[in-house]
Amino acid sequence: MNLKNIPAIMKILSKEFPSNEQTTLNRMRKKPNAFKVLISCLLSLRAKDETTEVISQNLFKIADTPQTILKIPTRKLEKIIFSTGHYRKKARVLKHVCKELIERFESKVPKTREELMSIKGVGLKTANVVLAFAFGQQVVVVDTPVHRISNRIGFVKTKNADKTEPELTKILPKKYVTEINGIFILFGREICQPVSPWCSKCPIKKYCSRVGVKRSR
């Protein structure tokens, strides 16, 4: 694919699939609370977005600071977040992250990638979610849909999401850096699905390289 087509592709997709209303984490940008963004992102891993939203809201009604989450007995916390999956591991991670915030960062969520990723349990995607959605920094949030679609279209040729992030950062127009996540998530749900994508009604089909597409509709 000609990389010069990226601005045209993103312009089309941004009109068809506006980013700011599409996921719980994207919606949290309107009234950003860094701690809530961080915790919601940790809960969202391998969970459906609808589940993340409900469970996050239920948790924040009970505890919305590092101190109050630490006070919740572990078994009770596991029950609260049970529906997000991997609840025992997530409960441990939440407790550890809150302890680290209190002990190392004066109960505040750090504003740099290095500091965020120095906390065990916080990976690149989670760090970038916090930087982009809580602090408005120009970083690309790459999850499974963004990685998959970017490779399928031909934006990049990478093996995993961590390698996709710096490559997209190099080629994306700045106005789409923080928007691509929400755009591609909805685009992936409605059109560019993992198996048998709807290429026949894709608004960018004339630009797409269709990498790895063996069957389509």
C-alpha atoms as a PDB file:
ATOM      1  CA  MET A   1       0.000   0.000   0.000  1.00  0.00           C
ATOM      2  CA  ASN A   2       1.164   3.519  -0.780  1.00  0.00           C
ATOM      3  CA  LEU A   3       1.676   5.212   2.593  1.00  0.00           C
ATOM      4  CA  LYS A   4       0.681   8.505   0.982  1.00  0.00           C
ATOM      5  CA  ASN A   5      -2.894   7.202   1.099  1.00  0.00           C
ATOM      6  CA  ILE A   6      -2.945   7.063   4.908  1.00  0.00           C
ATOM      7  CA  PRO A   7      -4.425  10.569   5.399  1.00  0.00           C
ATOM      8  CA  ALA A   8      -7.231   9.771   2.915  1.00  0.00           C
ATOM      9  CA  ILE A   9      -7.932   6.429   4.593  1.00  0.00           C
ATOM     10  CA  MET A  10      -8.048   7.920   8.071  1.00  0.00           C
ATOM     11  CA  LYS A  11     -10.267  10.774   6.938  1.00  0.00           C
ATOM     12  CA  ILE A  12     -12.814   8.308   5.523  1.00  0.00           C
ATOM     13  CA  LEU A  13     -12.737   6.050   8.575  1.00  0.00           C
ATOM     14  CA  SER A  14     -12.947   8.933  11.043  1.00  0.00           C
ATOM     15  CA  LYS A  15     -16.189  10.090   9.412  1.00  0.00           C
ATOM     16  CA  GLU A  16     -17.680   6.596   9.241  1.00  0.00           C
ATOM     17  CA  PHE A  17     -16.522   5.489  12.699  1.00  0.00           C
ATOM     18  CA  PRO A  18     -16.018   8.481  15.029  1.00  0.00           C
ATOM     19  CA  SER A  19     -13.704   7.574  17.881  1.00  0.00           C
ATOM     20  CA  ASN A  20     -14.879   9.543  20.892  1.00  0.00           C
ATOM     21  CA  GLU A  21     -18.007   7.543  21.715  1.00  0.00           C
ATOM     22  CA  GLN A  22     -16.940   4.030  20.925  1.00  0.00           C
ATOM     23  CA  THR A  23     -15.446   2.451  24.041  1.00  0.00           C
ATOM     24  CA  THR A  24     -15.518   2.982  27.780  1.00  0.00           C
ATOM     25  CA  LEU A  25     -11.900   4.157  27.816  1.00  0.00           C
ATOM     26  CA  ASN A  26     -12.370   6.510  24.858  1.00  0.00           C
ATOM     27  CA  ARG A  27     -15.446   8.045  26.499  1.00  0.00           C
ATOM     28  CA  MET A  28     -13.491   8.647  29.702  1.00  0.00           C
ATOM     29  CA  ARG A  29     -11.447  11.289  27.867  1.00  0.00           C
ATOM     30  CA  LYS A  30     -14.319  13.765  28.241  1.00  0.00           C
ATOM     31  CA  LYS A  31     -13.826  14.090  32.004  1.00  0.00           C
ATOM     32  CA  PRO A  32     -10.463  12.422  32.555  1.00  0.00           C
ATOM     33  CA  ASN A  33      -9.554  10.994  35.922  1.00  0.00           C
ATOM     34  CA  ALA A  34      -6.157   9.353  35.583  1.00  0.00           C
ATOM     35  CA  PHE A  35      -6.697   6.849  38.385  1.00  0.00           C
ATOM     36  CA  LYS A  36     -10.059   5.705  37.035  1.00  0.00           C
ATOM     37  CA  VAL A  37      -8.645   5.431  33.511  1.00  0.00           C
ATOM     38  CA  LEU A  38      -5.764   3.294  34.805  1.00  0.00           C
ATOM     39  CA  ILE A  39      -7.989   0.970  36.843  1.00  0.00           C
ATOM     40  CA  SER A  40     -10.596   0.650  34.071  1.00  0.00           C
ATOM     41  CA  CYS A  41      -7.875  -0.241  31.579  1.00  0.00           C
ATOM     42  CA  LEU A  42      -6.501  -2.943  33.878  1.00  0.00           C
ATOM     43  CA  LEU A  43     -10.017  -4.357  34.232  1.00  0.00           C
ATOM     44  CA  SER A  44     -10.600  -4.211  30.469  1.00  0.00           C
ATOM     45  CA  LEU A  45      -7.843  -6.664  29.586  1.00  0.00           C
ATOM     46  CA  ARG A  46      -9.477  -9.700  27.936  1.00  0.00           C
ATOM     47  CA  ALA A  47     -12.928  -8.397  28.883  1.00  0.00           C
ATOM     48  CA  LYS A  48     -15.841  -7.137  26.804  1.00  0.00           C
ATOM     49  CA  ASP A  49     -16.207  -3.385  26.762  1.00  0.00           C
ATOM     50  CA  GLU A  50     -19.765  -3.473  28.135  1.00  0.00           C
ATOM     51  CA  THR A  51     -18.541  -5.558  31.063  1.00  0.00           C
ATOM     52  CA  THR A  52     -15.635  -3.208  31.725  1.00  0.00           C
ATOM     53  CA  GLU A  53     -17.968  -0.234  31.922  1.00  0.00           C
ATOM     54  CA  VAL A  54     -20.417  -1.853  34.348  1.00  0.00           C
ATOM     55  CA  ILE A  55     -17.784  -3.360  36.633  1.00  0.00           C
ATOM     56  CA  SER A  56     -15.696  -0.179  36.682  1.00  0.00           C
ATOM     57  CA  GLN A  57     -18.704   1.886  37.676  1.00  0.00           C
ATOM     58  CA  ASN A  58     -19.652  -0.610  40.389  1.00  0.00           C
ATOM     59  CA  LEU A  59     -16.118  -0.570  41.777  1.00  0.00           C
ATOM     60  CA  PHE A  60     -15.828   3.223  41.747  1.00  0.00           C
ATOM     61  CA  LYS A  61     -19.062   3.559  43.723  1.00  0.00           C
ATOM     62  CA  ILE A  62     -17.304   1.693  46.528  1.00  0.00           C
ATOM     63  CA  ALA A  63     -13.710   2.832  46.060  1.00  0.00           C
ATOM     64  CA  ASP A  64     -12.192   5.384  43.691  1.00  0.00           C
ATOM     65  CA  THR A  65      -8.764   6.079  45.198  1.00  0.00           C
ATOM     66  CA  PRO A  66      -5.683   3.883  45.763  1.00  0.00           C
ATOM     67  CA  GLN A  67      -6.296   3.968  49.498  1.00  0.00           C
ATOM     68  CA  THR A  68      -9.937   2.885  49.351  1.00  0.00           C
ATOM     69  CA  ILE A  69      -9.262   0.058  46.905  1.00  0.00           C
ATOM     70  CA  LEU A  70      -6.484  -1.260  49.148  1.00  0.00           C
ATOM     71  CA  LYS A  71      -8.945  -1.354  52.040  1.00  0.00           C
ATOM     72  CA  ILE A  72     -11.309  -3.695  50.187  1.00  0.00           C
ATOM     73  CA  PRO A  73     -10.741  -7.302  51.333  1.00  0.00           C
ATOM     74  CA  THR A  74      -9.259  -9.330  48.486  1.00  0.00           C
ATOM     75  CA  ARG A  75     -12.148 -11.794  48.304  1.00  0.00           C
ATOM     76  CA  LYS A  76     -14.674  -8.964  48.137  1.00  0.00           C
ATOM     77  CA  LEU A  77     -12.656  -7.262  45.395  1.00  0.00           C
ATOM     78  CA  GLU A  78     -12.565 -10.528  43.449  1.00  0.00           C
ATOM     79  CA  LYS A  79     -16.352 -10.772  43.663  1.00  0.00           C
ATOM     80  CA  ILE A  80     -16.790  -7.186  42.458  1.00  0.00           C
ATOM     81  CA  ILE A  81     -14.593  -7.683  39.378  1.00  0.00           C
ATOM     82  CA  PHE A  82     -15.455 -11.358  38.780  1.00  0.00           C
ATOM     83  CA  SER A  83     -17.251 -10.768  35.444  1.00  0.00           C
ATOM     84  CA  THR A  84     -14.178  -9.215  33.816  1.00  0.00           C
ATOM     85  CA  GLY A  85     -12.424 -12.605  33.842  1.00  0.00           C
ATOM     86  CA  HIS A  86      -9.058 -13.542  35.372  1.00  0.00           C
ATOM     87  CA  TYR A  87     -10.470 -11.892  38.489  1.00  0.00           C
ATOM     88  CA  ARG A  88      -7.946 -13.322  40.956  1.00  0.00           C
ATOM     89  CA  LYS A  89      -4.977 -12.071  38.959  1.00  0.00           C
ATOM     90  CA  LYS A  90      -6.652  -8.717  38.318  1.00  0.00           C
ATOM     91  CA  ALA A  91      -7.427  -8.272  42.012  1.00  0.00           C
ATOM     92  CA  ARG A  92      -3.742  -8.860  42.824  1.00  0.00           C
ATOM     93  CA  VAL A  93      -2.679  -6.410  40.130  1.00  0.00           C
ATOM     94  CA  LEU A  94      -5.101  -3.714  41.301  1.00  0.00           C
ATOM     95  CA  LYS A  95      -3.882  -4.045  44.889  1.00  0.00           C
ATOM     96  CA  HIS A  96      -0.220  -3.942  43.821  1.00  0.00           C
ATOM     97  CA  VAL A  97      -0.720  -0.951  41.516  1.00  0.00           C
ATOM     98  CA  CYS A  98      -2.530   0.979  44.250  1.00  0.00           C
ATOM     99  CA  LYS A  99       0.226   0.178  46.757  1.00  0.00           C
ATOM    100  CA  GLU A 100       2.866   1.373  44.280  1.00  0.00           C
ATOM    101  CA  LEU A 101       0.990   4.601  43.590  1.00  0.00           C
ATOM    102  CA  ILE A 102       0.790   5.339  47.301  1.00  0.00           C
ATOM    103  CA  GLU A 103       4.363   4.401  48.168  1.00  0.00           C
ATOM    104  CA  ARG A 104       6.224   5.662  45.118  1.00  0.00           C
ATOM    105  CA  PHE A 105       4.087   8.377  43.524  1.00  0.00           C
ATOM    106  CA  GLU A 106       2.301  10.131  46.395  1.00  0.00           C
ATOM    107  CA  SER A 107      -0.977   8.439  45.384  1.00  0.00           C
ATOM    108  CA  LYS A 108      -0.881  10.112  41.968  1.00  0.00           C
ATOM    109  CA  VAL A 109      -0.771   8.409  38.578  1.00  0.00           C
ATOM    110  CA  PRO A 110       2.575   9.234  36.921  1.00  0.00           C
ATOM    111  CA  LYS A 111       2.616  11.097  33.621  1.00  0.00           C
ATOM    112  CA  THR A 112       5.488   9.321  31.880  1.00  0.00           C
ATOM    113  CA  ARG A 113       5.578   5.960  30.123  1.00  0.00           C
ATOM    114  CA  GLU A 114       8.735   4.925  31.928  1.00  0.00           C
ATOM    115  CA  GLU A 115       7.237   5.526  35.360  1.00  0.00           C
ATOM    116  CA  LEU A 116       3.950   3.854  34.499  1.00  0.00           C
ATOM    117  CA  MET A 117       5.658   0.767  33.092  1.00  0.00           C
ATOM    118  CA  SER A 118       7.913   0.567  36.128  1.00  0.00           C
ATOM    119  CA  ILE A 119       4.800  -0.593  38.016  1.00  0.00           C
ATOM    120  CA  LYS A 120       4.428  -4.364  37.709  1.00  0.00           C
ATOM    121  CA  GLY A 121       1.196  -5.159  35.883  1.00  0.00           C
ATOM    122  CA  VAL A 122       1.230  -2.019  33.735  1.00  0.00           C
ATOM    123  CA  GLY A 123       2.226  -2.813  30.153  1.00  0.00           C
ATOM    124  CA  LEU A 124       2.721  -0.645  27.081  1.00  0.00           C
ATOM    125  CA  LYS A 125      -0.949  -0.579  26.070  1.00  0.00           C
ATOM    126  CA  THR A 126      -2.132   0.382  29.559  1.00  0.00           C
ATOM    127  CA  ALA A 127       0.556   3.039  29.884  1.00  0.00           C
ATOM    128  CA  ASN A 128      -0.404   4.560  26.547  1.00  0.00           C
ATOM    129  CA  VAL A 129      -4.112   4.488  27.416  1.00  0.00           C
ATOM    130  CA  VAL A 130      -3.374   6.548  30.520  1.00  0.00           C
ATOM    131  CA  LEU A 131      -1.071   8.954  28.683  1.00  0.00           C
ATOM    132  CA  ALA A 132      -3.480   9.454  25.792  1.00  0.00           C
ATOM    133  CA  PHE A 133      -6.884   9.367  27.478  1.00  0.00           C
ATOM    134  CA  ALA A 134      -6.093  10.807  30.907  1.00  0.00           C
ATOM    135  CA  PHE A 135      -3.281  13.243  30.108  1.00  0.00           C
ATOM    136  CA  GLY A 136      -3.959  14.059  26.448  1.00  0.00           C
ATOM    137  CA  GLN A 137      -0.500  13.075  25.261  1.00  0.00           C
ATOM    138  CA  GLN A 138       0.106  12.245  21.604  1.00  0.00           C
ATOM    139  CA  VAL A 139       0.646   8.481  21.842  1.00  0.00           C
ATOM    140  CA  VAL A 140      -0.880   5.626  19.864  1.00  0.00           C
ATOM    141  CA  VAL A 141      -2.958   3.122  21.830  1.00  0.00           C
ATOM    142  CA  VAL A 142      -2.418  -0.234  20.113  1.00  0.00           C
ATOM    143  CA  ASP A 143      -4.566  -3.186  21.117  1.00  0.00           C
ATOM    144  CA  THR A 144      -5.498  -6.318  19.157  1.00  0.00           C
ATOM    145  CA  PRO A 145      -7.901  -4.617  16.666  1.00  0.00           C
ATOM    146  CA  VAL A 146      -5.469  -1.783  15.925  1.00  0.00           C
ATOM    147  CA  HIS A 147      -2.573  -4.202  15.419  1.00  0.00           C
ATOM    148  CA  ARG A 148      -4.610  -6.569  13.231  1.00  0.00           C
ATOM    149  CA  ILE A 149      -6.237  -3.930  11.027  1.00  0.00           C
ATOM    150  CA  SER A 150      -3.058  -1.878  10.593  1.00  0.00           C
ATOM    151  CA  ASN A 151      -1.318  -4.968   9.229  1.00  0.00           C
ATOM    152  CA  ARG A 152      -4.279  -6.058   7.099  1.00  0.00           C
ATOM    153  CA  ILE A 153      -4.650  -2.668   5.421  1.00  0.00           C
ATOM    154  CA  GLY A 154      -0.909  -2.424   4.874  1.00  0.00           C
ATOM    155  CA  PHE A 155      -0.013   0.457   7.174  1.00  0.00           C
ATOM    156  CA  VAL A 156       2.633  -1.682   8.869  1.00  0.00           C
ATOM    157  CA  LYS A 157       4.171  -5.146   8.770  1.00  0.00           C
ATOM    158  CA  THR A 158       4.677  -6.155  12.389  1.00  0.00           C
ATOM    159  CA  LYS A 159       4.418  -9.276  14.533  1.00  0.00           C
ATOM    160  CA  ASN A 160       2.827  -7.869  17.682  1.00  0.00           C
ATOM    161  CA  ALA A 161       1.131  -4.813  19.156  1.00  0.00           C
ATOM    162  CA  ASP A 162       4.277  -3.548  20.904  1.00  0.00           C
ATOM    163  CA  LYS A 163       6.094  -3.404  17.567  1.00  0.00           C
ATOM    164  CA  THR A 164       3.071  -1.842  15.827  1.00  0.00           C
ATOM    165  CA  GLU A 165       2.962   1.141  18.209  1.00  0.00           C
ATOM    166  CA  PRO A 166       6.272   2.815  17.191  1.00  0.00           C
ATOM    167  CA  GLU A 167       5.675   2.107  13.492  1.00  0.00           C
ATOM    168  CA  LEU A 168       2.230   3.750  13.555  1.00  0.00           C
ATOM    169  CA  THR A 169       3.684   6.677  15.476  1.00  0.00           C
ATOM    170  CA  LYS A 170       6.065   7.302  12.565  1.00  0.00           C
ATOM    171  CA  ILE A 171       3.436   7.331   9.809  1.00  0.00           C
ATOM    172  CA  LEU A 172       0.128   8.555  11.273  1.00  0.00           C
ATOM    173  CA  PRO A 173      -0.903  12.185  10.799  1.00  0.00           C
ATOM    174  CA  LYS A 174      -0.866  13.809  14.254  1.00  0.00           C
ATOM    175  CA  LYS A 175      -4.609  14.465  14.255  1.00  0.00           C
ATOM    176  CA  TYR A 176      -5.268  10.713  14.200  1.00  0.00           C
ATOM    177  CA  VAL A 177      -2.651   9.539  16.713  1.00  0.00           C
ATOM    178  CA  THR A 178      -5.030   9.438  19.676  1.00  0.00           C
ATOM    179  CA  GLU A 179      -8.109   8.738  17.539  1.00  0.00           C
ATOM    180  CA  ILE A 180      -7.035   5.578  15.716  1.00  0.00           C
ATOM    181  CA  ASN A 181      -7.848   3.301  18.638  1.00  0.00           C
ATOM    182  CA  GLY A 182     -11.541   4.190  18.829  1.00  0.00           C
ATOM    183  CA  ILE A 183     -11.886   4.348  15.042  1.00  0.00           C
ATOM    184  CA  PHE A 184     -10.322   0.939  14.423  1.00  0.00           C
ATOM    185  CA  ILE A 185     -12.219  -0.759  17.249  1.00  0.00           C
ATOM    186  CA  LEU A 186     -15.580   0.158  15.716  1.00  0.00           C
ATOM    187  CA  PHE A 187     -14.339  -0.443  12.167  1.00  0.00           C
ATOM    188  CA  GLY A 188     -13.192  -3.888  13.300  1.00  0.00           C
ATOM    189  CA  ARG A 189     -16.546  -4.692  14.881  1.00  0.00           C
ATOM    190  CA  GLU A 190     -18.693  -3.649  11.947  1.00  0.00           C
ATOM    191  CA  ILE A 191     -16.586  -4.189   8.823  1.00  0.00           C
ATOM    192  CA  CYS A 192     -12.995  -5.365   9.229  1.00  0.00           C
ATOM    193  CA  GLN A 193     -13.737  -8.415  11.346  1.00  0.00           C
ATOM    194  CA  PRO A 194     -11.024 -10.971  12.167  1.00  0.00           C
ATOM    195  CA  VAL A 195     -12.602 -13.741  10.067  1.00  0.00           C
ATOM    196  CA  SER A 196     -14.410 -13.116   6.789  1.00  0.00           C
ATOM    197  CA  PRO A 197     -14.421  -9.297   6.820  1.00  0.00           C
ATOM    198  CA  TRP A 198     -17.113  -7.327   4.957  1.00  0.00           C
ATOM    199  CA  CYS A 199     -14.826  -6.210   2.126  1.00  0.00           C
ATOM    200  CA  SER A 200     -17.815  -5.731  -0.189  1.00  0.00           C
ATOM    201  CA  LYS A 201     -19.078  -2.788   1.860  1.00  0.00           C
ATOM    202  CA  CYS A 202     -15.762  -1.487   3.179  1.00  0.00           C
ATOM    203  CA  PRO A 203     -15.395   2.291   2.628  1.00  0.00           C
ATOM    204  CA  ILE A 204     -11.624   1.973   2.083  1.00  0.00           C
ATOM    205  CA  LYS A 205     -11.543  -1.202  -0.029  1.00  0.00           C
ATOM    206  CA  LYS A 206      -9.821   0.549  -2.939  1.00  0.00           C
ATOM    207  CA  TYR A 207      -6.874   1.344  -0.672  1.00  0.00           C
ATOM    208  CA  CYS A 208      -6.667  -1.884   1.352  1.00  0.00           C
ATOM    209  CA  SER A 209      -3.892  -4.444   0.738  1.00  0.00           C
ATOM    210  CA  ARG A 210      -6.070  -7.228   2.259  1.00  0.00           C
ATOM    211  CA  VAL A 211      -3.030  -8.844   3.855  1.00  0.00           C
ATOM    212  CA  GLY A 212      -3.885 -12.329   5.100  1.00  0.00           C
ATOM    213  CA  VAL A 213      -7.533 -12.173   3.969  1.00  0.00           C
ATOM    214  CA  LYS A 214      -8.433 -15.617   2.671  1.00  0.00           C
ATOM    215  CA  ARG A 215     -12.181 -15.257   2.774  1.00  0.00           C
ATOM    216  CA  SER A 216     -14.419 -12.195   2.739  1.00  0.00           C
ATOM    217  CA  ARG A 217     -18.032 -11.194   2.263  1.00  0.00           C
END
